[in-house]
Full PDB file with SEQRES, HELIX, SHEET, SSBOND, CRYST1, ORIGX, SCALE, CONECT and MASTER records, all heavy atoms in Angstrom:
SEQRES   1 A   30  LEU SER ALA ALA TRP LEU VAL ALA LEU ALA LEU VAL VAL          
SEQRES   2 A   30  PRO GLY LEU LEU ASP ARG PRO ALA PRO LYS VAL ALA GLY          
SEQRES   3 A   30  LYS ALA PRO GLU                                              
HELIX    1 AA1 SER A    2  ASP A   18  1                                  17    
CRYST1    1.000    1.000    1.000  90.00  90.00  90.00 P 1           1          
ORIGX1      1.000000  0.000000  0.000000        0.00000                         
ORIGX2      0.000000  1.000000  0.000000        0.00000                         
ORIGX3      0.000000  0.000000  1.000000        0.00000                         
SCALE1      1.000000  0.000000  0.000000        0.00000                         
SCALE2      0.000000  1.000000  0.000000        0.00000                         
SCALE3      0.000000  0.000000  1.000000        0.00000                         
ATOM      1  N   LEU A   1       0.825  -1.210   0.000  1.00  0.00           N  
ATOM      2  CA  LEU A   1       0.000   0.000   0.000  1.00  0.00           C  
ATOM      3  C   LEU A   1       0.863   1.267   0.000  1.00  0.00           C  
ATOM      4  O   LEU A   1       0.599   2.227  -0.733  1.00  0.00           O  
ATOM      5  CB  LEU A   1      -0.918   0.018   1.218  1.00  0.00           C  
ATOM      6  CG  LEU A   1      -2.174  -0.863   1.154  1.00  0.00           C  
ATOM      7  CD1 LEU A   1      -2.890  -0.837   2.500  1.00  0.00           C  
ATOM      8  CD2 LEU A   1      -3.102  -0.377   0.052  1.00  0.00           C  
ATOM      9  N   SER A   2       1.897   1.245   0.823  1.00  0.00           N  
ATOM     10  CA  SER A   2       2.774   2.411   0.909  1.00  0.00           C  
ATOM     11  C   SER A   2       3.463   2.675  -0.427  1.00  0.00           C  
ATOM     12  O   SER A   2       3.556   3.828  -0.889  1.00  0.00           O  
ATOM     13  CB  SER A   2       3.821   2.212   2.007  1.00  0.00           C  
ATOM     14  OG  SER A   2       3.190   2.096   3.281  1.00  0.00           O  
ATOM     15  N   ALA A   3       3.952   1.623  -1.080  1.00  0.00           N  
ATOM     16  CA  ALA A   3       4.620   1.786  -2.368  1.00  0.00           C  
ATOM     17  C   ALA A   3       3.642   2.308  -3.425  1.00  0.00           C  
ATOM     18  O   ALA A   3       3.988   3.166  -4.246  1.00  0.00           O  
ATOM     19  CB  ALA A   3       5.217   0.440  -2.804  1.00  0.00           C  
ATOM     20  N   ALA A   4       2.411   1.781  -3.396  1.00  0.00           N  
ATOM     21  CA  ALA A   4       1.401   2.239  -4.351  1.00  0.00           C  
ATOM     22  C   ALA A   4       1.105   3.729  -4.161  1.00  0.00           C  
ATOM     23  O   ALA A   4       0.961   4.481  -5.134  1.00  0.00           O  
ATOM     24  CB  ALA A   4       0.129   1.414  -4.198  1.00  0.00           C  
ATOM     25  N   TRP A   5       1.011   4.174  -2.904  1.00  0.00           N  
ATOM     26  CA  TRP A   5       0.761   5.589  -2.643  1.00  0.00           C  
ATOM     27  C   TRP A   5       1.909   6.461  -3.143  1.00  0.00           C  
ATOM     28  O   TRP A   5       1.696   7.542  -3.689  1.00  0.00           O  
ATOM     29  CB  TRP A   5       0.559   5.815  -1.149  1.00  0.00           C  
ATOM     30  CG  TRP A   5      -0.853   5.612  -0.680  1.00  0.00           C  
ATOM     31  CD1 TRP A   5      -1.307   4.685   0.217  1.00  0.00           C  
ATOM     32  CD2 TRP A   5      -2.001   6.356  -1.094  1.00  0.00           C  
ATOM     33  NE1 TRP A   5      -2.654   4.795   0.388  1.00  0.00           N  
ATOM     34  CE2 TRP A   5      -3.117   5.827  -0.408  1.00  0.00           C  
ATOM     35  CE3 TRP A   5      -2.207   7.403  -1.973  1.00  0.00           C  
ATOM     36  CZ2 TRP A   5      -4.402   6.316  -0.574  1.00  0.00           C  
ATOM     37  CZ3 TRP A   5      -3.487   7.900  -2.144  1.00  0.00           C  
ATOM     38  CH2 TRP A   5      -4.571   7.366  -1.458  1.00  0.00           C  
ATOM     39  N   LEU A   6       3.148   6.003  -2.954  1.00  0.00           N  
ATOM     40  CA  LEU A   6       4.293   6.785  -3.427  1.00  0.00           C  
ATOM     41  C   LEU A   6       4.272   6.941  -4.945  1.00  0.00           C  
ATOM     42  O   LEU A   6       4.563   8.016  -5.482  1.00  0.00           O  
ATOM     43  CB  LEU A   6       5.592   6.116  -2.974  1.00  0.00           C  
ATOM     44  CG  LEU A   6       5.934   6.238  -1.479  1.00  0.00           C  
ATOM     45  CD1 LEU A   6       7.221   5.480  -1.172  1.00  0.00           C  
ATOM     46  CD2 LEU A   6       6.073   7.702  -1.079  1.00  0.00           C  
ATOM     47  N   VAL A   7       3.934   5.849  -5.655  1.00  0.00           N  
ATOM     48  CA  VAL A   7       3.852   5.924  -7.122  1.00  0.00           C  
ATOM     49  C   VAL A   7       2.756   6.902  -7.540  1.00  0.00           C  
ATOM     50  O   VAL A   7       2.939   7.745  -8.435  1.00  0.00           O  
ATOM     51  CB  VAL A   7       3.600   4.525  -7.716  1.00  0.00           C  
ATOM     52  CG1 VAL A   7       3.316   4.637  -9.214  1.00  0.00           C  
ATOM     53  CG2 VAL A   7       4.797   3.611  -7.471  1.00  0.00           C  
ATOM     54  N   ALA A   8       1.588   6.803  -6.884  1.00  0.00           N  
ATOM     55  CA  ALA A   8       0.475   7.695  -7.224  1.00  0.00           C  
ATOM     56  C   ALA A   8       0.827   9.149  -6.964  1.00  0.00           C  
ATOM     57  O   ALA A   8       0.544  10.039  -7.775  1.00  0.00           O  
ATOM     58  CB  ALA A   8      -0.770   7.294  -6.428  1.00  0.00           C  
ATOM     59  N   LEU A   9       1.469   9.413  -5.827  1.00  0.00           N  
ATOM     60  CA  LEU A   9       1.847  10.787  -5.502  1.00  0.00           C  
ATOM     61  C   LEU A   9       2.877  11.335  -6.480  1.00  0.00           C  
ATOM     62  O   LEU A   9       2.844  12.512  -6.846  1.00  0.00           O  
ATOM     63  CB  LEU A   9       2.388  10.856  -4.067  1.00  0.00           C  
ATOM     64  CG  LEU A   9       1.348  10.626  -2.952  1.00  0.00           C  
ATOM     65  CD1 LEU A   9       2.046  10.545  -1.603  1.00  0.00           C  
ATOM     66  CD2 LEU A   9       0.311  11.744  -2.946  1.00  0.00           C  
ATOM     67  N   ALA A  10       3.801  10.470  -6.909  1.00  0.00           N  
ATOM     68  CA  ALA A  10       4.821  10.903  -7.871  1.00  0.00           C  
ATOM     69  C   ALA A  10       4.196  11.297  -9.201  1.00  0.00           C  
ATOM     70  O   ALA A  10       4.719  12.163  -9.917  1.00  0.00           O  
ATOM     71  CB  ALA A  10       5.843   9.782  -8.076  1.00  0.00           C  
ATOM     72  N   LEU A  11       3.077  10.679  -9.557  1.00  0.00           N  
ATOM     73  CA  LEU A  11       2.410  10.998 -10.823  1.00  0.00           C  
ATOM     74  C   LEU A  11       1.497  12.223 -10.709  1.00  0.00           C  
ATOM     75  O   LEU A  11       1.368  13.006 -11.654  1.00  0.00           O  
ATOM     76  CB  LEU A  11       1.585   9.794 -11.303  1.00  0.00           C  
ATOM     77  CG  LEU A  11       2.377   8.534 -11.673  1.00  0.00           C  
ATOM     78  CD1 LEU A  11       1.424   7.392 -11.993  1.00  0.00           C  
ATOM     79  CD2 LEU A  11       3.298   8.814 -12.862  1.00  0.00           C  
ATOM     80  N   VAL A  12       0.876  12.399  -9.563  1.00  0.00           N  
ATOM     81  CA  VAL A  12      -0.155  13.433  -9.424  1.00  0.00           C  
ATOM     82  C   VAL A  12       0.411  14.777  -8.976  1.00  0.00           C  
ATOM     83  O   VAL A  12       0.028  15.827  -9.490  1.00  0.00           O  
ATOM     84  CB  VAL A  12      -1.244  12.966  -8.444  1.00  0.00           C  
ATOM     85  CG1 VAL A  12      -2.224  14.099  -8.159  1.00  0.00           C  
ATOM     86  CG2 VAL A  12      -1.980  11.761  -9.003  1.00  0.00           C  
ATOM     87  N   VAL A  13       1.321  14.768  -8.009  1.00  0.00           N  
ATOM     88  CA  VAL A  13       1.786  16.016  -7.404  1.00  0.00           C  
ATOM     89  C   VAL A  13       2.414  16.971  -8.418  1.00  0.00           C  
ATOM     90  O   VAL A  13       2.111  18.181  -8.400  1.00  0.00           O  
ATOM     91  CB  VAL A  13       2.765  15.718  -6.248  1.00  0.00           C  
ATOM     92  CG1 VAL A  13       3.444  17.004  -5.776  1.00  0.00           C  
ATOM     93  CG2 VAL A  13       1.999  15.064  -5.108  1.00  0.00           C  
ATOM     94  N   PRO A  14       3.306  16.524  -9.353  1.00  0.00           N  
ATOM     95  CA  PRO A  14       3.877  17.486 -10.314  1.00  0.00           C  
ATOM     96  C   PRO A  14       2.811  18.206 -11.119  1.00  0.00           C  
ATOM     97  O   PRO A  14       2.925  19.398 -11.398  1.00  0.00           O  
ATOM     98  CB  PRO A  14       4.764  16.607 -11.192  1.00  0.00           C  
ATOM     99  CG  PRO A  14       5.123  15.447 -10.328  1.00  0.00           C  
ATOM    100  CD  PRO A  14       3.901  15.187  -9.505  1.00  0.00           C  
ATOM    101  N   GLY A  15       1.752  17.496 -11.507  1.00  0.00           N  
ATOM    102  CA  GLY A  15       0.678  18.135 -12.260  1.00  0.00           C  
ATOM    103  C   GLY A  15      -0.047  19.192 -11.459  1.00  0.00           C  
ATOM    104  O   GLY A  15      -0.436  20.245 -11.973  1.00  0.00           O  
ATOM    105  N   LEU A  16      -0.228  18.928 -10.168  1.00  0.00           N  
ATOM    106  CA  LEU A  16      -0.882  19.922  -9.314  1.00  0.00           C  
ATOM    107  C   LEU A  16      -0.025  21.163  -9.142  1.00  0.00           C  
ATOM    108  O   LEU A  16      -0.528  22.286  -9.093  1.00  0.00           O  
ATOM    109  CB  LEU A  16      -1.188  19.308  -7.940  1.00  0.00           C  
ATOM    110  CG  LEU A  16      -2.223  18.167  -7.928  1.00  0.00           C  
ATOM    111  CD1 LEU A  16      -2.331  17.595  -6.524  1.00  0.00           C  
ATOM    112  CD2 LEU A  16      -3.579  18.660  -8.419  1.00  0.00           C  
ATOM    113  N   LEU A  17       1.282  20.979  -9.062  1.00  0.00           N  
ATOM    114  CA  LEU A  17       2.180  22.120  -8.884  1.00  0.00           C  
ATOM    115  C   LEU A  17       2.246  22.975 -10.129  1.00  0.00           C  
ATOM    116  O   LEU A  17       2.439  24.196 -10.059  1.00  0.00           O  
ATOM    117  CB  LEU A  17       3.589  21.623  -8.510  1.00  0.00           C  
ATOM    118  CG  LEU A  17       3.699  20.927  -7.146  1.00  0.00           C  
ATOM    119  CD1 LEU A  17       5.117  20.430  -6.931  1.00  0.00           C  
ATOM    120  CD2 LEU A  17       3.271  21.859  -6.016  1.00  0.00           C  
ATOM    121  N   ASP A  18       2.126  22.349 -11.324  1.00  0.00           N  
ATOM    122  CA  ASP A  18       2.195  23.094 -12.576  1.00  0.00           C  
ATOM    123  C   ASP A  18       0.877  23.753 -12.945  1.00  0.00           C  
ATOM    124  O   ASP A  18       0.809  24.514 -13.902  1.00  0.00           O  
ATOM    125  CB  ASP A  18       2.614  22.157 -13.723  1.00  0.00           C  
ATOM    126  CG  ASP A  18       4.053  21.700 -13.563  1.00  0.00           C  
ATOM    127  OD1 ASP A  18       4.798  22.383 -12.838  1.00  0.00           O  
ATOM    128  OD2 ASP A  18       4.427  20.668 -14.144  1.00  0.00           O  
ATOM    129  N   ARG A  19      -0.192  23.443 -12.254  1.00  0.00           N  
ATOM    130  CA  ARG A  19      -1.497  24.018 -12.605  1.00  0.00           C  
ATOM    131  C   ARG A  19      -1.463  25.515 -12.374  1.00  0.00           C  
ATOM    132  O   ARG A  19      -0.989  25.979 -11.335  1.00  0.00           O  
ATOM    133  CB  ARG A  19      -2.581  23.382 -11.745  1.00  0.00           C  
ATOM    134  CG  ARG A  19      -3.982  23.915 -12.050  1.00  0.00           C  
ATOM    135  CD  ARG A  19      -4.995  23.288 -11.117  1.00  0.00           C  
ATOM    136  NE  ARG A  19      -5.046  21.843 -11.290  1.00  0.00           N  
ATOM    137  CZ  ARG A  19      -5.794  21.040 -10.538  1.00  0.00           C  
ATOM    138  NH1 ARG A  19      -6.527  21.565  -9.560  1.00  0.00           N  
ATOM    139  NH2 ARG A  19      -5.803  19.739 -10.760  1.00  0.00           N  
ATOM    140  N   PRO A  20      -1.966  26.331 -13.355  1.00  0.00           N  
ATOM    141  CA  PRO A  20      -1.962  27.786 -13.157  1.00  0.00           C  
ATOM    142  C   PRO A  20      -2.850  28.193 -11.995  1.00  0.00           C  
ATOM    143  O   PRO A  20      -3.799  27.500 -11.652  1.00  0.00           O  
ATOM    144  CB  PRO A  20      -2.514  28.325 -14.493  1.00  0.00           C  
ATOM    145  CG  PRO A  20      -3.266  27.170 -15.081  1.00  0.00           C  
ATOM    146  CD  PRO A  20      -2.534  25.934 -14.627  1.00  0.00           C  
ATOM    147  N   ALA A  21      -2.495  29.308 -11.416  1.00  0.00           N  
ATOM    148  CA  ALA A  21      -3.279  29.805 -10.278  1.00  0.00           C  
ATOM    149  C   ALA A  21      -4.693  30.118 -10.721  1.00  0.00           C  
ATOM    150  O   ALA A  21      -4.912  30.594 -11.831  1.00  0.00           O  
ATOM    151  CB  ALA A  21      -2.617  31.068  -9.712  1.00  0.00           C  
ATOM    152  N   PRO A  22      -5.663  29.839  -9.884  1.00  0.00           N  
ATOM    153  CA  PRO A  22      -7.049  30.115 -10.269  1.00  0.00           C  
ATOM    154  C   PRO A  22      -7.266  31.610 -10.468  1.00  0.00           C  
ATOM    155  O   PRO A  22      -6.645  32.442  -9.808  1.00  0.00           O  
ATOM    156  CB  PRO A  22      -7.859  29.588  -9.068  1.00  0.00           C  
ATOM    157  CG  PRO A  22      -6.894  29.596  -7.926  1.00  0.00           C  
ATOM    158  CD  PRO A  22      -5.549  29.289  -8.530  1.00  0.00           C  
ATOM    159  N   LYS A  23      -8.156  31.951 -11.419  1.00  0.00           N  
ATOM    160  CA  LYS A  23      -8.453  33.341 -11.691  1.00  0.00           C  
ATOM    161  C   LYS A  23      -9.323  33.912 -10.581  1.00  0.00           C  
ATOM    162  O   LYS A  23     -10.262  33.283 -10.127  1.00  0.00           O  
ATOM    163  CB  LYS A  23      -9.196  33.472 -13.028  1.00  0.00           C  
ATOM    164  CG  LYS A  23      -8.370  33.000 -14.218  1.00  0.00           C  
ATOM    165  CD  LYS A  23      -9.172  33.111 -15.493  1.00  0.00           C  
ATOM    166  CE  LYS A  23      -8.372  32.605 -16.691  1.00  0.00           C  
ATOM    167  NZ  LYS A  23      -9.163  32.682 -17.940  1.00  0.00           N  
ATOM    168  N   VAL A  24      -8.959  35.113 -10.177  1.00  0.00           N  
ATOM    169  CA  VAL A  24      -9.740  35.798  -9.156  1.00  0.00           C  
ATOM    170  C   VAL A  24     -10.883  36.513  -9.851  1.00  0.00           C  
ATOM    171  O   VAL A  24     -10.676  37.234 -10.821  1.00  0.00           O  
ATOM    172  CB  VAL A  24      -8.862  36.808  -8.391  1.00  0.00           C  
ATOM    173  CG1 VAL A  24      -9.684  37.558  -7.362  1.00  0.00           C  
ATOM    174  CG2 VAL A  24      -7.689  36.086  -7.758  1.00  0.00           C  
ATOM    175  N   ALA A  25     -12.078  36.297  -9.367  1.00  0.00           N  
ATOM    176  CA  ALA A  25     -13.249  36.884  -9.999  1.00  0.00           C  
ATOM    177  C   ALA A  25     -13.113  38.395 -10.061  1.00  0.00           C  
ATOM    178  O   ALA A  25     -12.766  39.048  -9.089  1.00  0.00           O  
ATOM    179  CB  ALA A  25     -14.510  36.513  -9.213  1.00  0.00           C  
ATOM    180  N   GLY A  26     -13.332  38.938 -11.265  1.00  0.00           N  
ATOM    181  CA  GLY A  26     -13.310  40.374 -11.441  1.00  0.00           C  
ATOM    182  C   GLY A  26     -11.935  40.938 -11.732  1.00  0.00           C  
ATOM    183  O   GLY A  26     -11.808  42.116 -12.021  1.00  0.00           O  
ATOM    184  N   LYS A  27     -10.907  40.137 -11.701  1.00  0.00           N  
ATOM    185  CA  LYS A  27      -9.563  40.634 -11.963  1.00  0.00           C  
ATOM    186  C   LYS A  27      -9.052  40.061 -13.270  1.00  0.00           C  
ATOM    187  O   LYS A  27      -9.129  38.856 -13.500  1.00  0.00           O  
ATOM    188  CB  LYS A  27      -8.600  40.268 -10.822  1.00  0.00           C  
ATOM    189  CG  LYS A  27      -7.220  40.894 -11.000  1.00  0.00           C  
ATOM    190  CD  LYS A  27      -6.345  40.625  -9.803  1.00  0.00           C  
ATOM    191  CE  LYS A  27      -4.983  41.267  -9.957  1.00  0.00           C  
ATOM    192  NZ  LYS A  27      -4.109  41.033  -8.811  1.00  0.00           N  
ATOM    193  N   ALA A  28      -8.515  40.921 -14.123  1.00  0.00           N  
ATOM    194  CA  ALA A  28      -8.078  40.489 -15.438  1.00  0.00           C  
ATOM    195  C   ALA A  28      -6.768  39.726 -15.341  1.00  0.00           C  
ATOM    196  O   ALA A  28      -5.860  40.128 -14.618  1.00  0.00           O  
ATOM    197  CB  ALA A  28      -7.890  41.708 -16.346  1.00  0.00           C  
ATOM    198  N   PRO A  29      -6.649  38.607 -16.073  1.00  0.00           N  
ATOM    199  CA  PRO A  29      -5.369  37.902 -16.124  1.00  0.00           C  
ATOM    200  C   PRO A  29      -4.396  38.673 -17.007  1.00  0.00           C  
ATOM    201  O   PRO A  29      -4.528  38.673 -18.230  1.00  0.00           O  
ATOM    202  CB  PRO A  29      -5.753  36.547 -16.738  1.00  0.00           C  
ATOM    203  CG  PRO A  29      -6.987  36.824 -17.539  1.00  0.00           C  
ATOM    204  CD  PRO A  29      -7.700  37.941 -16.840  1.00  0.00           C  
ATOM    205  N   GLU A  30      -3.444  39.348 -16.398  1.00  0.00           N  
ATOM    206  CA  GLU A  30      -2.536  40.203 -17.152  1.00  0.00           C  
ATOM    207  C   GLU A  30      -1.397  39.398 -17.769  1.00  0.00           C  
ATOM    208  O   GLU A  30      -0.952  38.401 -17.224  1.00  0.00           O  
ATOM    209  CB  GLU A  30      -1.957  41.289 -16.246  1.00  0.00           C  
ATOM    210  CG  GLU A  30      -2.999  42.234 -15.681  1.00  0.00           C  
ATOM    211  CD  GLU A  30      -2.375  43.290 -14.786  1.00  0.00           C  
ATOM    212  OE1 GLU A  30      -1.127  43.353 -14.720  1.00  0.00           O  
ATOM    213  OE2 GLU A  30      -3.123  44.040 -14.154  1.00  0.00           O  
TER     214      GLU A  30                                                      
MASTER        0    0    0    1    0    0    0    6  213    1    0    3          
END                                                                             
């Protein structure tokens, strides 16, 4: 189980870090 979690985290976490910051309502993305 621990090894499976490490593999899953290695695949998912980089994608989450690269995701652009959410747009703030009413503020233009400059």
